Structures are given as C-alpha cells and as structure tokens.
Amino acid sequence: MAKKIQLIGFILILIGAVLISLSMTLAWNNYNAISFGSVALVIIGIITYIYAGKKEIGDEIEKK
C-alpha cells in the first residue's frame, strides 16, 4: 500500500511541475491561483512521497 501512496505523491509532483512549466510557457504568470496551486501540488506531493517512504520502511521493520 505504501508503494501506491508513494506513486501518488510522485504523480502530484509531476503534475505540479508540468503546471509550472505551462504557466511560464503560456504566460499565465498573472494568475495567482495557478501559481500557488502548482506549488501546493509539488509540496503536497513531496510530503506524501516522503511519508509513504517512511511508512514502507516502518512496515518492513515490523515484519522482521
């Protein structure tokens, strides 16, 4: 289960990065919702990815 959560975190990071790239390319710089939303997606993705990684390590230790 932790691998699936980690994959979701990675996908959120990618979506946020694509939105940041698109906003710079298509001159959406004046739209704060897109800028803050994409940064929020990246931050939430990083937190989710790290949390799932730590949870996976904890699950492996408990199995031993």
N, C-alpha and C. Protein backbone atom coordinates (compact mmCIF):
# COMPACT_ATOMS: atom_id res chain seq x y z
N MET A 1 0.82 -1.20 0.00
CA MET A 1 0.00 0.00 0.00
C MET A 1 0.86 1.26 0.00
N ALA A 2 2.00 1.18 0.69
CA ALA A 2 2.86 2.36 0.76
C ALA A 2 3.43 2.72 -0.61
N LYS A 3 3.66 1.70 -1.43
CA LYS A 3 4.19 1.96 -2.79
C LYS A 3 3.17 2.74 -3.62
N LYS A 4 1.88 2.41 -3.45
CA LYS A 4 0.83 3.12 -4.20
C LYS A 4 0.74 4.58 -3.75
N ILE A 5 0.85 4.80 -2.45
CA ILE A 5 0.81 6.17 -1.92
C ILE A 5 2.03 6.94 -2.40
N GLN A 6 3.17 6.28 -2.45
CA GLN A 6 4.40 6.91 -2.92
C GLN A 6 4.26 7.27 -4.41
N LEU A 7 3.61 6.41 -5.19
CA LEU A 7 3.39 6.69 -6.60
C LEU A 7 2.45 7.88 -6.77
N ILE A 8 1.44 7.98 -5.94
CA ILE A 8 0.52 9.12 -5.99
C ILE A 8 1.28 10.42 -5.69
N GLY A 9 2.17 10.39 -4.71
CA GLY A 9 2.99 11.56 -4.40
C GLY A 9 3.86 11.97 -5.57
N PHE A 10 4.45 10.98 -6.24
CA PHE A 10 5.29 11.27 -7.41
C PHE A 10 4.46 11.87 -8.54
N ILE A 11 3.26 11.36 -8.75
CA ILE A 11 2.38 11.90 -9.79
C ILE A 11 1.98 13.34 -9.47
N LEU A 12 1.71 13.64 -8.19
CA LEU A 12 1.39 15.01 -7.81
C LEU A 12 2.55 15.96 -8.08
N ILE A 13 3.77 15.50 -7.82
CA ILE A 13 4.95 16.31 -8.11
C ILE A 13 5.05 16.58 -9.60
N LEU A 14 4.83 15.56 -10.42
CA LEU A 14 4.90 15.73 -11.88
C LEU A 14 3.83 16.68 -12.39
N ILE A 15 2.60 16.55 -11.90
CA ILE A 15 1.52 17.44 -12.33
C ILE A 15 1.85 18.89 -11.96
N GLY A 16 2.34 19.09 -10.75
CA GLY A 16 2.72 20.45 -10.33
C GLY A 16 3.83 21.02 -11.18
N ALA A 17 4.82 20.19 -11.51
CA ALA A 17 5.93 20.66 -12.34
C ALA A 17 5.47 20.99 -13.75
N VAL A 18 4.57 20.18 -14.29
CA VAL A 18 4.04 20.46 -15.63
C VAL A 18 3.24 21.76 -15.62
N LEU A 19 2.45 21.97 -14.58
CA LEU A 19 1.68 23.22 -14.49
C LEU A 19 2.59 24.44 -14.37
N ILE A 20 3.67 24.31 -13.62
CA ILE A 20 4.61 25.42 -13.51
C ILE A 20 5.24 25.70 -14.87
N SER A 21 5.63 24.66 -15.58
CA SER A 21 6.23 24.83 -16.91
C SER A 21 5.24 25.45 -17.88
N LEU A 22 3.99 24.96 -17.86
CA LEU A 22 2.98 25.53 -18.75
C LEU A 22 2.68 26.98 -18.42
N SER A 23 2.65 27.31 -17.15
CA SER A 23 2.34 28.69 -16.78
C SER A 23 3.44 29.65 -17.23
N MET A 24 4.68 29.18 -17.21
CA MET A 24 5.77 30.03 -17.70
C MET A 24 5.76 30.12 -19.23
N THR A 25 5.45 29.03 -19.89
CA THR A 25 5.45 28.99 -21.35
C THR A 25 4.28 29.78 -21.94
N LEU A 26 3.11 29.65 -21.34
CA LEU A 26 1.91 30.27 -21.89
C LEU A 26 1.58 31.61 -21.24
N ALA A 27 2.51 32.15 -20.47
CA ALA A 27 2.38 33.47 -19.84
C ALA A 27 1.16 33.56 -18.92
N TRP A 28 1.00 32.53 -18.08
CA TRP A 28 -0.05 32.55 -17.07
C TRP A 28 0.50 33.09 -15.75
N ASN A 29 1.51 33.91 -15.81
CA ASN A 29 2.19 34.38 -14.61
C ASN A 29 1.32 35.27 -13.73
N ASN A 30 0.33 35.90 -14.31
CA ASN A 30 -0.51 36.82 -13.55
C ASN A 30 -1.65 36.12 -12.81
N TYR A 31 -1.81 34.83 -13.00
CA TYR A 31 -2.87 34.08 -12.34
C TYR A 31 -2.31 33.40 -11.10
N ASN A 32 -2.61 34.01 -9.96
CA ASN A 32 -2.04 33.50 -8.71
C ASN A 32 -2.55 32.12 -8.34
N ALA A 33 -3.78 31.82 -8.70
CA ALA A 33 -4.35 30.51 -8.36
C ALA A 33 -3.56 29.39 -9.02
N ILE A 34 -3.16 29.58 -10.25
CA ILE A 34 -2.39 28.55 -10.95
C ILE A 34 -1.00 28.44 -10.33
N SER A 35 -0.38 29.56 -10.03
CA SER A 35 0.96 29.54 -9.45
C SER A 35 0.96 28.88 -8.07
N PHE A 36 0.07 29.33 -7.20
CA PHE A 36 0.02 28.77 -5.86
C PHE A 36 -0.47 27.32 -5.87
N GLY A 37 -1.40 27.01 -6.76
CA GLY A 37 -1.90 25.64 -6.86
C GLY A 37 -0.83 24.67 -7.30
N SER A 38 -0.03 25.07 -8.27
CA SER A 38 1.02 24.17 -8.75
C SER A 38 2.12 24.00 -7.71
N VAL A 39 2.46 25.06 -7.00
CA VAL A 39 3.45 24.94 -5.93
C VAL A 39 2.89 24.08 -4.79
N ALA A 40 1.62 24.25 -4.50
CA ALA A 40 0.99 23.43 -3.46
C ALA A 40 0.98 21.95 -3.85
N LEU A 41 0.72 21.66 -5.13
CA LEU A 41 0.76 20.27 -5.59
C LEU A 41 2.14 19.66 -5.41
N VAL A 42 3.17 20.43 -5.73
CA VAL A 42 4.53 19.93 -5.58
C VAL A 42 4.84 19.67 -4.10
N ILE A 43 4.47 20.60 -3.24
CA ILE A 43 4.75 20.44 -1.80
C ILE A 43 3.98 19.26 -1.22
N ILE A 44 2.70 19.13 -1.57
CA ILE A 44 1.90 18.01 -1.08
C ILE A 44 2.46 16.69 -1.62
N GLY A 45 2.90 16.70 -2.87
CA GLY A 45 3.49 15.50 -3.46
C GLY A 45 4.77 15.08 -2.76
N ILE A 46 5.61 16.05 -2.42
CA ILE A 46 6.86 15.75 -1.72
C ILE A 46 6.56 15.18 -0.33
N ILE A 47 5.63 15.80 0.38
CA ILE A 47 5.27 15.32 1.72
C ILE A 47 4.69 13.91 1.65
N THR A 48 3.82 13.67 0.67
CA THR A 48 3.22 12.35 0.51
C THR A 48 4.28 11.30 0.17
N TYR A 49 5.18 11.64 -0.71
CA TYR A 49 6.23 10.71 -1.13
C TYR A 49 7.13 10.34 0.05
N ILE A 50 7.52 11.34 0.83
CA ILE A 50 8.39 11.08 1.99
C ILE A 50 7.65 10.26 3.05
N TYR A 51 6.39 10.63 3.32
CA TYR A 51 5.60 9.91 4.32
C TYR A 51 5.44 8.44 3.94
N ALA A 52 5.13 8.18 2.67
CA ALA A 52 4.94 6.80 2.23
C ALA A 52 6.26 6.03 2.30
N GLY A 53 7.35 6.69 1.99
CA GLY A 53 8.65 6.02 2.09
C GLY A 53 8.99 5.63 3.51
N LYS A 54 8.71 6.53 4.46
CA LYS A 54 8.96 6.21 5.86
C LYS A 54 8.01 5.13 6.36
N LYS A 55 6.77 5.16 5.89
CA LYS A 55 5.80 4.14 6.29
C LYS A 55 6.23 2.77 5.76
N GLU A 56 6.77 2.73 4.55
CA GLU A 56 7.22 1.47 3.97
C GLU A 56 8.39 0.91 4.77
N ILE A 57 9.31 1.76 5.19
CA ILE A 57 10.45 1.32 5.99
C ILE A 57 9.97 0.79 7.34
N GLY A 58 8.98 1.47 7.93
CA GLY A 58 8.42 1.01 9.20
C GLY A 58 7.72 -0.32 9.07
N ASP A 59 7.02 -0.52 7.96
CA ASP A 59 6.33 -1.80 7.72
C ASP A 59 7.33 -2.92 7.56
N GLU A 60 8.45 -2.67 6.90
CA GLU A 60 9.46 -3.71 6.71
C GLU A 60 10.12 -4.09 8.03
N ILE A 61 10.33 -3.11 8.90
CA ILE A 61 10.93 -3.39 10.20
C ILE A 61 9.97 -4.22 11.06
N GLU A 62 8.68 -3.91 11.01
CA GLU A 62 7.70 -4.66 11.80
C GLU A 62 7.57 -6.10 11.32
N LYS A 63 7.77 -6.36 10.03
CA LYS A 63 7.66 -7.71 9.51
C LYS A 63 8.79 -8.60 9.98
N LYS A 64 9.95 -8.02 10.25
CA LYS A 64 11.10 -8.80 10.70
C LYS A 64 10.91 -9.14 12.13
